[in-house]
N, C-alpha and C. Protein backbone atom coordinates (compact mmCIF):
# COMPACT_ATOMS: atom_id res chain seq x y z
N UNK A 1 -22.62 -2.38 19.19
CA UNK A 1 -21.94 -3.58 19.65
C UNK A 1 -20.96 -4.02 18.57
N UNK A 2 -19.70 -3.61 18.63
CA UNK A 2 -18.72 -3.97 17.62
C UNK A 2 -18.39 -5.46 17.62
N UNK A 3 -18.26 -6.01 16.42
CA UNK A 3 -17.81 -7.38 16.22
C UNK A 3 -16.53 -7.28 15.40
N UNK A 4 -15.43 -7.74 15.96
CA UNK A 4 -14.12 -7.59 15.33
C UNK A 4 -13.54 -8.96 15.05
N UNK A 5 -13.10 -9.16 13.82
CA UNK A 5 -12.45 -10.42 13.44
C UNK A 5 -10.98 -10.11 13.17
N UNK A 6 -10.10 -10.83 13.85
CA UNK A 6 -8.66 -10.65 13.68
C UNK A 6 -8.11 -11.95 13.10
N UNK A 7 -7.50 -11.84 11.92
CA UNK A 7 -6.94 -13.00 11.24
C UNK A 7 -5.42 -12.94 11.37
N UNK A 8 -4.86 -14.03 11.88
CA UNK A 8 -3.41 -14.12 12.11
C UNK A 8 -2.89 -15.43 11.56
N UNK A 9 -1.59 -15.44 11.25
CA UNK A 9 -1.02 -16.73 10.93
C UNK A 9 -0.95 -17.55 12.23
N UNK A 10 -1.16 -18.84 12.10
CA UNK A 10 -1.27 -19.73 13.25
C UNK A 10 0.02 -19.72 14.07
N UNK A 11 -0.14 -19.83 15.38
CA UNK A 11 1.03 -19.96 16.23
C UNK A 11 1.14 -18.93 17.34
N UNK A 12 0.23 -17.95 17.38
CA UNK A 12 0.28 -16.97 18.46
C UNK A 12 -0.17 -17.63 19.76
N UNK A 13 0.47 -17.29 20.84
CA UNK A 13 0.12 -17.87 22.14
C UNK A 13 -1.19 -17.28 22.66
N UNK A 14 -1.79 -18.00 23.59
CA UNK A 14 -3.00 -17.50 24.25
C UNK A 14 -2.71 -16.19 24.96
N UNK A 15 -1.53 -16.06 25.57
CA UNK A 15 -1.18 -14.81 26.25
C UNK A 15 -1.10 -13.64 25.28
N UNK A 16 -0.56 -13.86 24.08
CA UNK A 16 -0.50 -12.80 23.07
C UNK A 16 -1.90 -12.40 22.63
N UNK A 17 -2.76 -13.39 22.39
CA UNK A 17 -4.14 -13.10 21.98
C UNK A 17 -4.88 -12.37 23.09
N UNK A 18 -4.64 -12.75 24.32
CA UNK A 18 -5.27 -12.08 25.46
C UNK A 18 -4.86 -10.60 25.49
N UNK A 19 -3.57 -10.34 25.27
CA UNK A 19 -3.08 -8.96 25.27
C UNK A 19 -3.67 -8.15 24.12
N UNK A 20 -3.77 -8.77 22.94
CA UNK A 20 -4.37 -8.09 21.79
C UNK A 20 -5.84 -7.80 22.06
N UNK A 21 -6.56 -8.78 22.58
CA UNK A 21 -7.99 -8.60 22.87
C UNK A 21 -8.20 -7.45 23.85
N UNK A 22 -7.36 -7.38 24.87
CA UNK A 22 -7.48 -6.31 25.86
C UNK A 22 -7.20 -4.95 25.23
N UNK A 23 -6.12 -4.86 24.44
CA UNK A 23 -5.75 -3.58 23.82
C UNK A 23 -6.78 -3.13 22.79
N UNK A 24 -7.26 -4.05 21.97
CA UNK A 24 -8.25 -3.69 20.95
C UNK A 24 -9.57 -3.28 21.61
N UNK A 25 -9.97 -4.00 22.64
CA UNK A 25 -11.20 -3.65 23.36
C UNK A 25 -11.08 -2.25 23.95
N UNK A 26 -9.94 -1.95 24.58
CA UNK A 26 -9.72 -0.61 25.13
C UNK A 26 -9.81 0.45 24.03
N UNK A 27 -9.19 0.19 22.89
CA UNK A 27 -9.20 1.16 21.79
C UNK A 27 -10.62 1.42 21.29
N UNK A 28 -11.41 0.36 21.16
CA UNK A 28 -12.79 0.52 20.69
C UNK A 28 -13.62 1.31 21.70
N UNK A 29 -13.53 0.94 22.97
CA UNK A 29 -14.31 1.63 24.01
C UNK A 29 -13.88 3.09 24.11
N UNK A 30 -12.57 3.35 24.06
CA UNK A 30 -12.09 4.73 24.16
C UNK A 30 -12.47 5.57 22.95
N UNK A 31 -12.61 4.94 21.79
CA UNK A 31 -12.93 5.66 20.56
C UNK A 31 -14.43 5.81 20.35
N UNK A 32 -15.16 4.71 20.54
CA UNK A 32 -16.60 4.70 20.24
C UNK A 32 -17.48 4.87 21.46
N UNK A 33 -16.92 4.65 22.64
CA UNK A 33 -17.72 4.66 23.85
C UNK A 33 -18.34 3.30 24.08
N UNK A 34 -19.16 3.20 25.08
CA UNK A 34 -19.83 1.94 25.38
C UNK A 34 -19.11 1.17 26.46
N UNK A 35 -19.47 -0.08 26.58
CA UNK A 35 -18.95 -0.96 27.63
C UNK A 35 -18.03 -2.01 27.03
N UNK A 36 -17.04 -2.42 27.81
CA UNK A 36 -16.12 -3.48 27.35
C UNK A 36 -16.88 -4.75 26.98
N UNK A 37 -17.92 -5.07 27.74
CA UNK A 37 -18.67 -6.31 27.49
C UNK A 37 -19.46 -6.27 26.17
N UNK A 38 -19.53 -5.12 25.53
CA UNK A 38 -20.23 -5.02 24.25
C UNK A 38 -19.32 -5.36 23.07
N UNK A 39 -18.02 -5.45 23.31
CA UNK A 39 -17.05 -5.67 22.23
C UNK A 39 -16.79 -7.17 22.09
N UNK A 40 -17.01 -7.69 20.88
CA UNK A 40 -16.76 -9.09 20.58
C UNK A 40 -15.58 -9.18 19.62
N UNK A 41 -14.62 -10.04 19.95
CA UNK A 41 -13.46 -10.26 19.09
C UNK A 41 -13.33 -11.75 18.82
N UNK A 42 -13.14 -12.09 17.55
CA UNK A 42 -12.91 -13.48 17.16
C UNK A 42 -11.54 -13.55 16.50
N UNK A 43 -10.72 -14.47 16.95
CA UNK A 43 -9.42 -14.71 16.32
C UNK A 43 -9.54 -15.87 15.35
N UNK A 44 -9.05 -15.67 14.14
CA UNK A 44 -8.98 -16.74 13.15
C UNK A 44 -7.50 -17.07 12.95
N UNK A 45 -7.13 -18.29 13.22
CA UNK A 45 -5.76 -18.75 13.00
C UNK A 45 -5.69 -19.45 11.65
N UNK A 46 -4.86 -18.94 10.77
CA UNK A 46 -4.75 -19.47 9.42
C UNK A 46 -3.36 -20.08 9.25
N UNK A 47 -3.32 -21.29 8.73
CA UNK A 47 -2.03 -21.91 8.40
C UNK A 47 -1.35 -21.09 7.32
N UNK A 48 -0.04 -20.96 7.40
CA UNK A 48 0.70 -20.15 6.43
C UNK A 48 0.58 -20.68 5.00
N UNK A 49 0.34 -21.98 4.85
CA UNK A 49 0.17 -22.51 3.49
C UNK A 49 -1.22 -22.21 2.92
N UNK A 50 -2.12 -21.69 3.76
CA UNK A 50 -3.47 -21.33 3.33
C UNK A 50 -3.65 -19.83 3.16
N UNK A 51 -2.54 -19.07 3.13
CA UNK A 51 -2.59 -17.62 3.11
C UNK A 51 -1.60 -17.12 2.07
N UNK A 52 -2.10 -16.33 1.13
CA UNK A 52 -1.24 -15.79 0.07
C UNK A 52 -1.37 -14.28 0.03
N UNK A 53 -0.24 -13.61 -0.16
CA UNK A 53 -0.21 -12.17 -0.38
C UNK A 53 0.60 -11.94 -1.65
N UNK A 54 0.01 -11.26 -2.59
CA UNK A 54 0.71 -10.98 -3.84
C UNK A 54 1.03 -12.23 -4.63
N UNK A 55 0.20 -13.27 -4.49
CA UNK A 55 0.42 -14.50 -5.23
C UNK A 55 1.48 -15.40 -4.63
N UNK A 56 1.95 -15.06 -3.45
CA UNK A 56 3.03 -15.82 -2.82
C UNK A 56 2.54 -16.38 -1.48
N UNK A 57 2.59 -17.71 -1.34
CA UNK A 57 2.16 -18.32 -0.08
C UNK A 57 3.05 -17.85 1.06
N UNK A 58 2.43 -17.60 2.19
CA UNK A 58 3.17 -17.13 3.35
C UNK A 58 4.15 -18.17 3.88
N UNK A 59 3.87 -19.44 3.64
CA UNK A 59 4.79 -20.50 4.08
C UNK A 59 6.13 -20.38 3.35
N UNK A 60 6.14 -19.75 2.18
CA UNK A 60 7.36 -19.57 1.40
C UNK A 60 8.14 -18.32 1.78
N UNK A 61 7.57 -17.50 2.63
CA UNK A 61 8.23 -16.27 3.07
C UNK A 61 9.11 -16.55 4.28
N UNK A 62 10.08 -15.72 4.50
CA UNK A 62 10.99 -15.89 5.63
C UNK A 62 10.62 -15.00 6.81
N UNK A 63 9.49 -14.33 6.75
CA UNK A 63 9.07 -13.46 7.84
C UNK A 63 7.92 -12.59 7.40
N UNK A 64 7.50 -11.66 8.24
CA UNK A 64 6.37 -10.78 7.88
C UNK A 64 6.77 -9.79 6.80
N UNK A 65 5.77 -9.26 6.10
CA UNK A 65 6.03 -8.21 5.11
C UNK A 65 6.57 -6.98 5.80
N UNK A 66 7.50 -6.32 5.14
CA UNK A 66 8.02 -5.05 5.64
C UNK A 66 7.12 -3.94 5.10
N UNK A 67 7.08 -2.78 5.77
CA UNK A 67 6.25 -1.68 5.28
C UNK A 67 6.57 -1.36 3.82
N UNK A 68 5.54 -1.26 2.99
CA UNK A 68 5.71 -0.96 1.58
C UNK A 68 5.98 -2.17 0.71
N UNK A 69 6.22 -3.34 1.31
CA UNK A 69 6.47 -4.56 0.54
C UNK A 69 5.14 -5.19 0.15
N UNK A 70 5.09 -5.75 -1.04
CA UNK A 70 3.85 -6.35 -1.55
C UNK A 70 4.10 -7.76 -2.02
N UNK A 71 4.40 -8.67 -1.13
CA UNK A 71 4.58 -10.07 -1.49
C UNK A 71 5.88 -10.28 -2.15
């Protein structure tokens, strides 16, 4: 029974979270087997001022990190 925690910066819509939950659940069931009802997902919404990458608060960034970028 997988328990998955997804941490995102605050502001994603319910529809976006619904789509992510559906896609992640499908990926888990297709990879590990089992039933969709066995997969638990919790979304944690974090304010950008409460999240730092590379010593830099996300509220001070102008967008998401690019591949290979480290804060």
